[in-house]
C-alpha atoms as a PDB file:
ATOM      1  CA  UNK A   1     186.349  -7.632 -21.898  1.00  0.00           C
ATOM      2  CA  UNK A   2     184.299  -4.534 -22.892  1.00  0.00           C
ATOM      3  CA  UNK A   3     182.853  -4.237 -26.367  1.00  0.00           C
ATOM      4  CA  UNK A   4     183.696  -0.558 -26.542  1.00  0.00           C
ATOM      5  CA  UNK A   5     186.082   1.965 -25.134  1.00  0.00           C
ATOM      6  CA  UNK A   6     189.318   3.514 -26.357  1.00  0.00           C
ATOM      7  CA  UNK A   7     192.320   5.097 -24.709  1.00  0.00           C
ATOM      8  CA  UNK A   8     195.092   4.373 -27.137  1.00  0.00           C
ATOM      9  CA  UNK A   9     196.142   5.192 -30.746  1.00  0.00           C
ATOM     10  CA  UNK A  10     198.490   2.142 -31.028  1.00  0.00           C
ATOM     11  CA  UNK A  11     196.706  -0.803 -29.305  1.00  0.00           C
ATOM     12  CA  UNK A  12     195.248  -3.354 -31.676  1.00  0.00           C
ATOM     13  CA  UNK A  13     191.654  -2.559 -32.879  1.00  0.00           C
ATOM     14  CA  UNK A  14     189.085  -5.168 -31.824  1.00  0.00           C
ATOM     15  CA  UNK A  15     185.856  -3.571 -32.961  1.00  0.00           C
ATOM     16  CA  UNK A  16     185.167  -0.631 -35.143  1.00  0.00           C
ATOM     17  CA  UNK A  17     182.204   1.167 -36.695  1.00  0.00           C
ATOM     18  CA  UNK A  18     182.467   2.258 -40.256  1.00  0.00           C
ATOM     19  CA  UNK A  19     179.998   4.038 -42.515  1.00  0.00           C
ATOM     20  CA  UNK A  20     180.054   3.434 -46.269  1.00  0.00           C
ATOM     21  CA  UNK A  21     180.055   6.560 -48.280  1.00  0.00           C
ATOM     22  CA  UNK A  22     176.770   7.546 -49.927  1.00  0.00           C
ATOM     23  CA  UNK A  23     176.971   8.655 -53.511  1.00  0.00           C
ATOM     24  CA  UNK A  24     174.071  11.105 -53.065  1.00  0.00           C
ATOM     25  CA  UNK A  25     175.024  14.499 -51.799  1.00  0.00           C
ATOM     26  CA  UNK A  26     176.891  17.631 -52.723  1.00  0.00           C
ATOM     27  CA  UNK A  27     180.515  16.554 -52.381  1.00  0.00           C
ATOM     28  CA  UNK A  28     181.817  19.899 -53.669  1.00  0.00           C
ATOM     29  CA  UNK A  29     180.354  21.697 -50.654  1.00  0.00           C
ATOM     30  CA  UNK A  30     182.371  19.319 -48.490  1.00  0.00           C
ATOM     31  CA  UNK A  31     185.513  20.079 -50.511  1.00  0.00           C
ATOM     32  CA  UNK A  32     185.903  16.685 -52.030  1.00  0.00           C
ATOM     33  CA  UNK A  33     187.986  16.454 -55.198  1.00  0.00           C
ATOM     34  CA  UNK A  34     185.857  16.712 -58.325  1.00  0.00           C
ATOM     35  CA  UNK A  35     184.732  14.872 -60.317  1.00  0.00           C
ATOM     36  CA  UNK A  36     183.878  12.120 -57.759  1.00  0.00           C
ATOM     37  CA  UNK A  37     184.514   8.607 -58.904  1.00  0.00           C
ATOM     38  CA  UNK A  38     181.716   6.771 -57.045  1.00  0.00           C
ATOM     39  CA  UNK A  39     182.748   3.242 -58.102  1.00  0.00           C
ATOM     40  CA  UNK A  40     186.290   3.833 -56.865  1.00  0.00           C
ATOM     41  CA  UNK A  41     185.029   5.359 -53.692  1.00  0.00           C
ATOM     42  CA  UNK A  42     182.910   2.252 -52.891  1.00  0.00           C
ATOM     43  CA  UNK A  43     185.634  -0.076 -53.999  1.00  0.00           C
ATOM     44  CA  UNK A  44     188.139   1.572 -51.717  1.00  0.00           C
ATOM     45  CA  UNK A  45     185.727   1.489 -48.759  1.00  0.00           C
ATOM     46  CA  UNK A  46     185.056  -2.252 -49.318  1.00  0.00           C
ATOM     47  CA  UNK A  47     188.789  -2.898 -49.404  1.00  0.00           C
ATOM     48  CA  UNK A  48     189.304  -1.014 -46.205  1.00  0.00           C
ATOM     49  CA  UNK A  49     186.539  -3.039 -44.490  1.00  0.00           C
ATOM     50  CA  UNK A  50     188.107  -6.302 -45.838  1.00  0.00           C
ATOM     51  CA  UNK A  51     191.546  -5.205 -44.469  1.00  0.00           C
ATOM     52  CA  UNK A  52     190.146  -4.570 -41.069  1.00  0.00           C
ATOM     53  CA  UNK A  53     188.459  -7.921 -41.027  1.00  0.00           C
ATOM     54  CA  UNK A  54     191.647  -9.644 -42.231  1.00  0.00           C
ATOM     55  CA  UNK A  55     193.441  -8.084 -39.348  1.00  0.00           C
ATOM     56  CA  UNK A  56     190.959  -9.648 -36.953  1.00  0.00           C
ATOM     57  CA  UNK A  57     188.836  -6.603 -36.201  1.00  0.00           C
ATOM     58  CA  UNK A  58     185.095  -6.886 -35.775  1.00  0.00           C
ATOM     59  CA  UNK A  59     183.542  -4.480 -38.207  1.00  0.00           C
ATOM     60  CA  UNK A  60     180.214  -2.854 -37.558  1.00  0.00           C
ATOM     61  CA  UNK A  61     178.925  -1.431 -40.912  1.00  0.00           C
ATOM     62  CA  UNK A  62     176.530   1.484 -40.336  1.00  0.00           C
ATOM     63  CA  UNK A  63     174.069   2.502 -42.990  1.00  0.00           C
ATOM     64  CA  UNK A  64     175.175   5.082 -45.573  1.00  0.00           C
ATOM     65  CA  UNK A  65     173.705   8.576 -45.083  1.00  0.00           C
ATOM     66  CA  UNK A  66     172.428  10.385 -48.146  1.00  0.00           C
ATOM     67  CA  UNK A  67     173.302  14.156 -48.345  1.00  0.00           C
ATOM     68  CA  UNK A  68     176.030  13.848 -45.731  1.00  0.00           C
ATOM     69  CA  UNK A  69     179.190  13.395 -47.764  1.00  0.00           C
ATOM     70  CA  UNK A  70     181.631  13.407 -44.878  1.00  0.00           C
ATOM     71  CA  UNK A  71     179.686  10.840 -42.743  1.00  0.00           C
ATOM     72  CA  UNK A  72     181.941   8.197 -43.827  1.00  0.00           C
ATOM     73  CA  UNK A  73     184.620   9.725 -41.565  1.00  0.00           C
ATOM     74  CA  UNK A  74     183.249   8.226 -38.276  1.00  0.00           C
ATOM     75  CA  UNK A  75     186.153   9.380 -36.167  1.00  0.00           C
ATOM     76  CA  UNK A  76     185.105  13.084 -36.299  1.00  0.00           C
ATOM     77  CA  UNK A  77     181.562  13.529 -35.000  1.00  0.00           C
ATOM     78  CA  UNK A  78     181.875  11.544 -31.844  1.00  0.00           C
ATOM     79  CA  UNK A  79     184.729  10.508 -29.633  1.00  0.00           C
ATOM     80  CA  UNK A  80     184.994   7.039 -27.965  1.00  0.00           C
ATOM     81  CA  UNK A  81     186.391   7.031 -24.540  1.00  0.00           C
ATOM     82  CA  UNK A  82     186.945   4.212 -22.028  1.00  0.00           C
ATOM     83  CA  UNK A  83     183.414   4.504 -20.643  1.00  0.00           C
ATOM     84  CA  UNK A  84     181.448   5.023 -23.840  1.00  0.00           C
ATOM     85  CA  UNK A  85     181.049   7.775 -26.470  1.00  0.00           C
ATOM     86  CA  UNK A  86     181.003  11.596 -26.339  1.00  0.00           C
ATOM     87  CA  UNK A  87     178.748  13.255 -28.934  1.00  0.00           C
ATOM     88  CA  UNK A  88     180.731  16.200 -30.425  1.00  0.00           C
ATOM     89  CA  UNK A  89     179.347  19.289 -32.216  1.00  0.00           C
ATOM     90  CA  UNK A  90     181.015  20.046 -35.537  1.00  0.00           C
ATOM     91  CA  UNK A  91     181.897  23.537 -36.564  1.00  0.00           C
ATOM     92  CA  UNK A  92     181.590  22.641 -40.347  1.00  0.00           C
ATOM     93  CA  UNK A  93     177.991  23.391 -41.238  1.00  0.00           C
ATOM     94  CA  UNK A  94     177.809  20.618 -43.863  1.00  0.00           C
ATOM     95  CA  UNK A  95     178.543  18.059 -40.968  1.00  0.00           C
ATOM     96  CA  UNK A  96     175.947  19.389 -38.506  1.00  0.00           C
ATOM     97  CA  UNK A  97     173.658  16.407 -38.673  1.00  0.00           C
ATOM     98  CA  UNK A  98     176.290  13.771 -38.269  1.00  0.00           C
ATOM     99  CA  UNK A  99     177.006  13.753 -34.439  1.00  0.00           C
ATOM    100  CA  UNK A 100     173.497  12.796 -33.286  1.00  0.00           C
ATOM    101  CA  UNK A 101     173.182  10.290 -36.111  1.00  0.00           C
ATOM    102  CA  UNK A 102     176.431   8.545 -35.335  1.00  0.00           C
ATOM    103  CA  UNK A 103     175.895   8.594 -31.562  1.00  0.00           C
ATOM    104  CA  UNK A 104     172.446   6.915 -32.075  1.00  0.00           C
ATOM    105  CA  UNK A 105     174.016   4.269 -34.162  1.00  0.00           C
ATOM    106  CA  UNK A 106     176.721   3.529 -31.593  1.00  0.00           C
ATOM    107  CA  UNK A 107     174.155   3.583 -28.862  1.00  0.00           C
ATOM    108  CA  UNK A 108     172.145   0.893 -30.738  1.00  0.00           C
ATOM    109  CA  UNK A 109     175.386  -1.175 -30.777  1.00  0.00           C
ATOM    110  CA  UNK A 110     175.520  -1.013 -27.010  1.00  0.00           C
ATOM    111  CA  UNK A 111     177.958   1.924 -26.607  1.00  0.00           C
ATOM    112  CA  UNK A 112     176.661   4.166 -23.861  1.00  0.00           C
ATOM    113  CA  UNK A 113     176.581   7.899 -24.425  1.00  0.00           C
ATOM    114  CA  UNK A 114     178.661   9.445 -21.605  1.00  0.00           C
ATOM    115  CA  UNK A 115     178.439  13.042 -22.665  1.00  0.00           C
ATOM    116  CA  UNK A 116     177.295  15.591 -25.303  1.00  0.00           C
ATOM    117  CA  UNK A 117     178.775  18.949 -26.244  1.00  0.00           C
ATOM    118  CA  UNK A 118     176.289  21.807 -26.082  1.00  0.00           C
ATOM    119  CA  UNK A 119     175.944  25.551 -26.556  1.00  0.00           C
ATOM    120  CA  UNK A 120     178.804  27.197 -28.330  1.00  0.00           C
ATOM    121  CA  UNK A 121     181.198  24.198 -27.931  1.00  0.00           C
ATOM    122  CA  UNK A 122     182.458  22.729 -31.161  1.00  0.00           C
ATOM    123  CA  UNK A 123     184.953  19.924 -31.550  1.00  0.00           C
ATOM    124  CA  UNK A 124     186.138  17.434 -34.127  1.00  0.00           C
ATOM    125  CA  UNK A 125     187.526  14.071 -33.395  1.00  0.00           C
ATOM    126  CA  UNK A 126     190.339  14.715 -35.849  1.00  0.00           C
ATOM    127  CA  UNK A 127     191.736  17.330 -33.452  1.00  0.00           C
ATOM    128  CA  UNK A 128     192.170  14.734 -30.690  1.00  0.00           C
ATOM    129  CA  UNK A 129     194.538  11.855 -30.069  1.00  0.00           C
ATOM    130  CA  UNK A 130     195.613   9.665 -27.224  1.00  0.00           C
ATOM    131  CA  UNK A 131     199.173  10.263 -25.926  1.00  0.00           C
ATOM    132  CA  UNK A 132     198.772   7.428 -23.386  1.00  0.00           C
ATOM    133  CA  UNK A 133     195.819   5.818 -21.601  1.00  0.00           C
ATOM    134  CA  UNK A 134     195.410   8.769 -19.297  1.00  0.00           C
ATOM    135  CA  UNK A 135     196.310  11.640 -21.565  1.00  0.00           C
ATOM    136  CA  UNK A 136     194.400  13.106 -24.527  1.00  0.00           C
ATOM    137  CA  UNK A 137     196.016  15.745 -26.752  1.00  0.00           C
ATOM    138  CA  UNK A 138     193.490  18.225 -28.040  1.00  0.00           C
ATOM    139  CA  UNK A 139     194.369  20.759 -30.723  1.00  0.00           C
ATOM    140  CA  UNK A 140     192.491  24.049 -30.375  1.00  0.00           C
ATOM    141  CA  UNK A 141     191.447  25.076 -33.867  1.00  0.00           C
ATOM    142  CA  UNK A 142     188.679  26.513 -36.049  1.00  0.00           C
ATOM    143  CA  UNK A 143     187.012  23.214 -35.464  1.00  0.00           C
ATOM    144  CA  UNK A 144     187.682  22.599 -31.773  1.00  0.00           C
ATOM    145  CA  UNK A 145     187.211  25.618 -29.578  1.00  0.00           C
ATOM    146  CA  UNK A 146     187.878  26.431 -25.864  1.00  0.00           C
ATOM    147  CA  UNK A 147     184.207  25.990 -24.927  1.00  0.00           C
ATOM    148  CA  UNK A 148     184.412  22.324 -26.084  1.00  0.00           C
ATOM    149  CA  UNK A 149     187.647  21.814 -24.225  1.00  0.00           C
ATOM    150  CA  UNK A 150     186.107  23.154 -21.034  1.00  0.00           C
ATOM    151  CA  UNK A 151     183.116  20.771 -21.518  1.00  0.00           C
ATOM    152  CA  UNK A 152     185.363  17.779 -22.362  1.00  0.00           C
ATOM    153  CA  UNK A 153     187.566  18.053 -19.277  1.00  0.00           C
ATOM    154  CA  UNK A 154     185.030  16.902 -16.732  1.00  0.00           C
ATOM    155  CA  UNK A 155     183.621  14.194 -19.058  1.00  0.00           C
ATOM    156  CA  UNK A 156     187.077  12.734 -19.501  1.00  0.00           C
ATOM    157  CA  UNK A 157     188.083  13.299 -15.845  1.00  0.00           C
ATOM    158  CA  UNK A 158     185.333  10.662 -15.046  1.00  0.00           C
ATOM    159  CA  UNK A 159     187.579   8.159 -16.852  1.00  0.00           C
ATOM    160  CA  UNK A 160     190.769   9.502 -15.154  1.00  0.00           C
ATOM    161  CA  UNK A 161     191.920  11.215 -18.342  1.00  0.00           C
ATOM    162  CA  UNK A 162     193.641  14.572 -18.512  1.00  0.00           C
ATOM    163  CA  UNK A 163     193.609  16.860 -21.445  1.00  0.00           C
ATOM    164  CA  UNK A 164     196.767  18.536 -22.906  1.00  0.00           C
ATOM    165  CA  UNK A 165     195.713  21.475 -25.206  1.00  0.00           C
ATOM    166  CA  UNK A 166     197.770  23.246 -27.805  1.00  0.00           C
ATOM    167  CA  UNK A 167     196.911  25.527 -30.737  1.00  0.00           C
ATOM    168  CA  UNK A 168     196.857  24.184 -34.333  1.00  0.00           C
ATOM    169  CA  UNK A 169     198.333  26.331 -37.031  1.00  0.00           C
ATOM    170  CA  UNK A 170     196.173  28.365 -39.382  1.00  0.00           C
ATOM    171  CA  UNK A 171     196.020  26.978 -42.929  1.00  0.00           C
ATOM    172  CA  UNK A 172     193.377  28.120 -45.446  1.00  0.00           C
ATOM    173  CA  UNK A 173     190.776  29.222 -42.872  1.00  0.00           C
ATOM    174  CA  UNK A 174     187.652  27.780 -41.199  1.00  0.00           C
ATOM    175  CA  UNK A 175     186.198  26.213 -44.361  1.00  0.00           C
ATOM    176  CA  UNK A 176     189.221  23.981 -44.861  1.00  0.00           C
ATOM    177  CA  UNK A 177     190.539  21.290 -42.632  1.00  0.00           C
ATOM    178  CA  UNK A 178     193.941  21.215 -40.912  1.00  0.00           C
ATOM    179  CA  UNK A 179     193.432  18.422 -38.456  1.00  0.00           C
ATOM    180  CA  UNK A 180     195.664  17.200 -35.779  1.00  0.00           C
ATOM    181  CA  UNK A 181     195.403  13.696 -37.111  1.00  0.00           C
END
């Protein structure tokens, strides 16, 4: 059994990587509610980890990252596929440093990097979800552009995965998040 790889949104989790929130950083720039209750934030994250463990999931706790308020959302900067992980490129400037950091952490845990978005391509994991083991839904949005979809297609084809694309609705504009998830 592989220690990595995903192609389902409903199969039981066996191993996950989480990153505790850091209390150092400009959370207002990342559009977090203010004022931030740091004690509650850490308490809720610890409860989340405890729940995952209680459900039988192996939890890999990555180090917190100062000055990256959204880095605790590990689903967004990289996308795990059956053969490894694809490093994404976020469109949200405050999250620019997260993809290479998360990818390096996952690689250190034995998850191979099978692709990296480059150039003008931007994508966010929150705009992607598995419909079935061979079909990934991708919402084209302010965060996930056509250039990323074009780069993701051959990376996913290597795992026998097709992409179904649709446009996400406009909400408050590019600075705010209207994810597919």
